[in-house]
C-alpha atoms as a PDB file:
ATOM      1  CA  MET A   1      23.827 -90.239 -50.732  1.00  0.00           C
ATOM      2  CA  GLN A   2      21.202 -92.370 -52.480  1.00  0.00           C
ATOM      3  CA  SER A   3      19.673 -93.481 -49.187  1.00  0.00           C
ATOM      4  CA  TRP A   4      19.509 -89.838 -48.008  1.00  0.00           C
ATOM      5  CA  TYR A   5      17.788 -88.792 -51.249  1.00  0.00           C
ATOM      6  CA  GLY A   6      15.447 -91.772 -51.048  1.00  0.00           C
ATOM      7  CA  ARG A   7      14.595 -90.881 -47.461  1.00  0.00           C
ATOM      8  CA  ASN A   8      13.640 -87.364 -48.563  1.00  0.00           C
ATOM      9  CA  LEU A   9      11.458 -88.776 -51.339  1.00  0.00           C
ATOM     10  CA  MET A  10       9.683 -90.967 -48.778  1.00  0.00           C
ATOM     11  CA  ILE A  11       9.171 -87.965 -46.476  1.00  0.00           C
ATOM     12  CA  PHE A  12       7.747 -85.873 -49.316  1.00  0.00           C
ATOM     13  CA  ASN A  13       5.531 -88.741 -50.465  1.00  0.00           C
ATOM     14  CA  ALA A  14       4.095 -89.054 -46.940  1.00  0.00           C
ATOM     15  CA  ILE A  15       3.376 -85.308 -46.888  1.00  0.00           C
ATOM     16  CA  ALA A  16       1.721 -85.468 -50.315  1.00  0.00           C
ATOM     17  CA  ARG A  17      -0.474 -88.423 -49.327  1.00  0.00           C
ATOM     18  CA  ALA A  18      -1.543 -86.739 -46.079  1.00  0.00           C
ATOM     19  CA  THR A  19      -2.601 -83.434 -47.646  1.00  0.00           C
ATOM     20  CA  ASN A  20      -5.395 -82.261 -49.924  1.00  0.00           C
ATOM     21  CA  ALA A  21      -5.820 -79.217 -52.153  1.00  0.00           C
ATOM     22  CA  GLY A  22      -6.339 -76.113 -50.032  1.00  0.00           C
ATOM     23  CA  ASP A  23      -4.702 -77.560 -46.910  1.00  0.00           C
ATOM     24  CA  ARG A  24      -2.220 -75.463 -44.999  1.00  0.00           C
ATOM     25  CA  VAL A  25       0.770 -77.506 -43.931  1.00  0.00           C
ATOM     26  CA  LEU A  26       3.656 -76.765 -41.614  1.00  0.00           C
ATOM     27  CA  VAL A  27       6.514 -79.208 -42.087  1.00  0.00           C
ATOM     28  CA  ILE A  28       9.311 -79.203 -39.540  1.00  0.00           C
ATOM     29  CA  TYR A  29      12.419 -81.210 -40.389  1.00  0.00           C
ATOM     30  CA  GLY A  30      16.117 -80.815 -39.807  1.00  0.00           C
ATOM     31  CA  ALA A  31      18.163 -78.438 -41.911  1.00  0.00           C
ATOM     32  CA  GLY A  32      19.646 -81.343 -43.879  1.00  0.00           C
ATOM     33  CA  HIS A  33      16.217 -82.125 -45.310  1.00  0.00           C
ATOM     34  CA  GLY A  34      14.864 -78.598 -45.765  1.00  0.00           C
ATOM     35  CA  ASN A  35      16.334 -77.613 -49.108  1.00  0.00           C
ATOM     36  CA  LEU A  36      15.373 -80.803 -50.908  1.00  0.00           C
ATOM     37  CA  LEU A  37      11.885 -80.986 -49.371  1.00  0.00           C
ATOM     38  CA  ARG A  38      11.244 -77.363 -50.385  1.00  0.00           C
ATOM     39  CA  GLN A  39      12.487 -78.121 -53.907  1.00  0.00           C
ATOM     40  CA  LEU A  40      10.312 -81.239 -54.205  1.00  0.00           C
ATOM     41  CA  ALA A  41       7.253 -79.331 -52.973  1.00  0.00           C
ATOM     42  CA  GLN A  42       7.869 -76.431 -55.326  1.00  0.00           C
ATOM     43  CA  ASP A  43       8.583 -78.647 -58.340  1.00  0.00           C
ATOM     44  CA  SER A  44       5.447 -80.706 -57.719  1.00  0.00           C
ATOM     45  CA  GLY A  45       3.247 -77.710 -58.508  1.00  0.00           C
ATOM     46  CA  PHE A  46       0.858 -78.716 -55.710  1.00  0.00           C
ATOM     47  CA  TYR A  47       2.295 -76.472 -52.994  1.00  0.00           C
ATOM     48  CA  ARG A  48       3.158 -72.825 -52.492  1.00  0.00           C
ATOM     49  CA  ILE A  49       6.218 -72.385 -50.326  1.00  0.00           C
ATOM     50  CA  HIS A  50       6.328 -69.556 -47.795  1.00  0.00           C
ATOM     51  CA  ASP A  51       9.178 -68.368 -45.616  1.00  0.00           C
ATOM     52  CA  PRO A  52       8.110 -69.093 -42.018  1.00  0.00           C
ATOM     53  CA  VAL A  53      10.290 -66.396 -40.419  1.00  0.00           C
ATOM     54  CA  PRO A  54       7.723 -63.553 -40.704  1.00  0.00           C
ATOM     55  CA  TRP A  55       5.102 -65.793 -39.075  1.00  0.00           C
ATOM     56  CA  LEU A  56       7.415 -66.546 -36.161  1.00  0.00           C
ATOM     57  CA  SER A  57       8.254 -62.929 -35.298  1.00  0.00           C
ATOM     58  CA  ASP A  58       6.691 -61.038 -32.396  1.00  0.00           C
ATOM     59  CA  THR A  59       4.753 -58.730 -34.714  1.00  0.00           C
ATOM     60  CA  GLY A  60       3.479 -61.389 -37.111  1.00  0.00           C
ATOM     61  CA  PRO A  61       3.427 -61.162 -40.890  1.00  0.00           C
ATOM     62  CA  VAL A  62       2.637 -58.021 -42.804  1.00  0.00           C
ATOM     63  CA  VAL A  63      -0.580 -58.768 -44.674  1.00  0.00           C
ATOM     64  CA  SER A  64      -1.701 -56.543 -47.531  1.00  0.00           C
ATOM     65  CA  PRO A  65      -5.385 -55.543 -47.519  1.00  0.00           C
END
């Protein structure tokens, strides 16, 4: 378990080092990593997390004016 958690911390650290304020980032990882990576990103306060499903639909997201 510790090595899995450590691996996720390394993944998140690489994402954080590779991004700057205002960047849009799409991170694709296996389902086993998703929950923890989302939690780390949200807890960091540097990222806003969005559900990708609306962006992947045929009609696209509903954007308010």
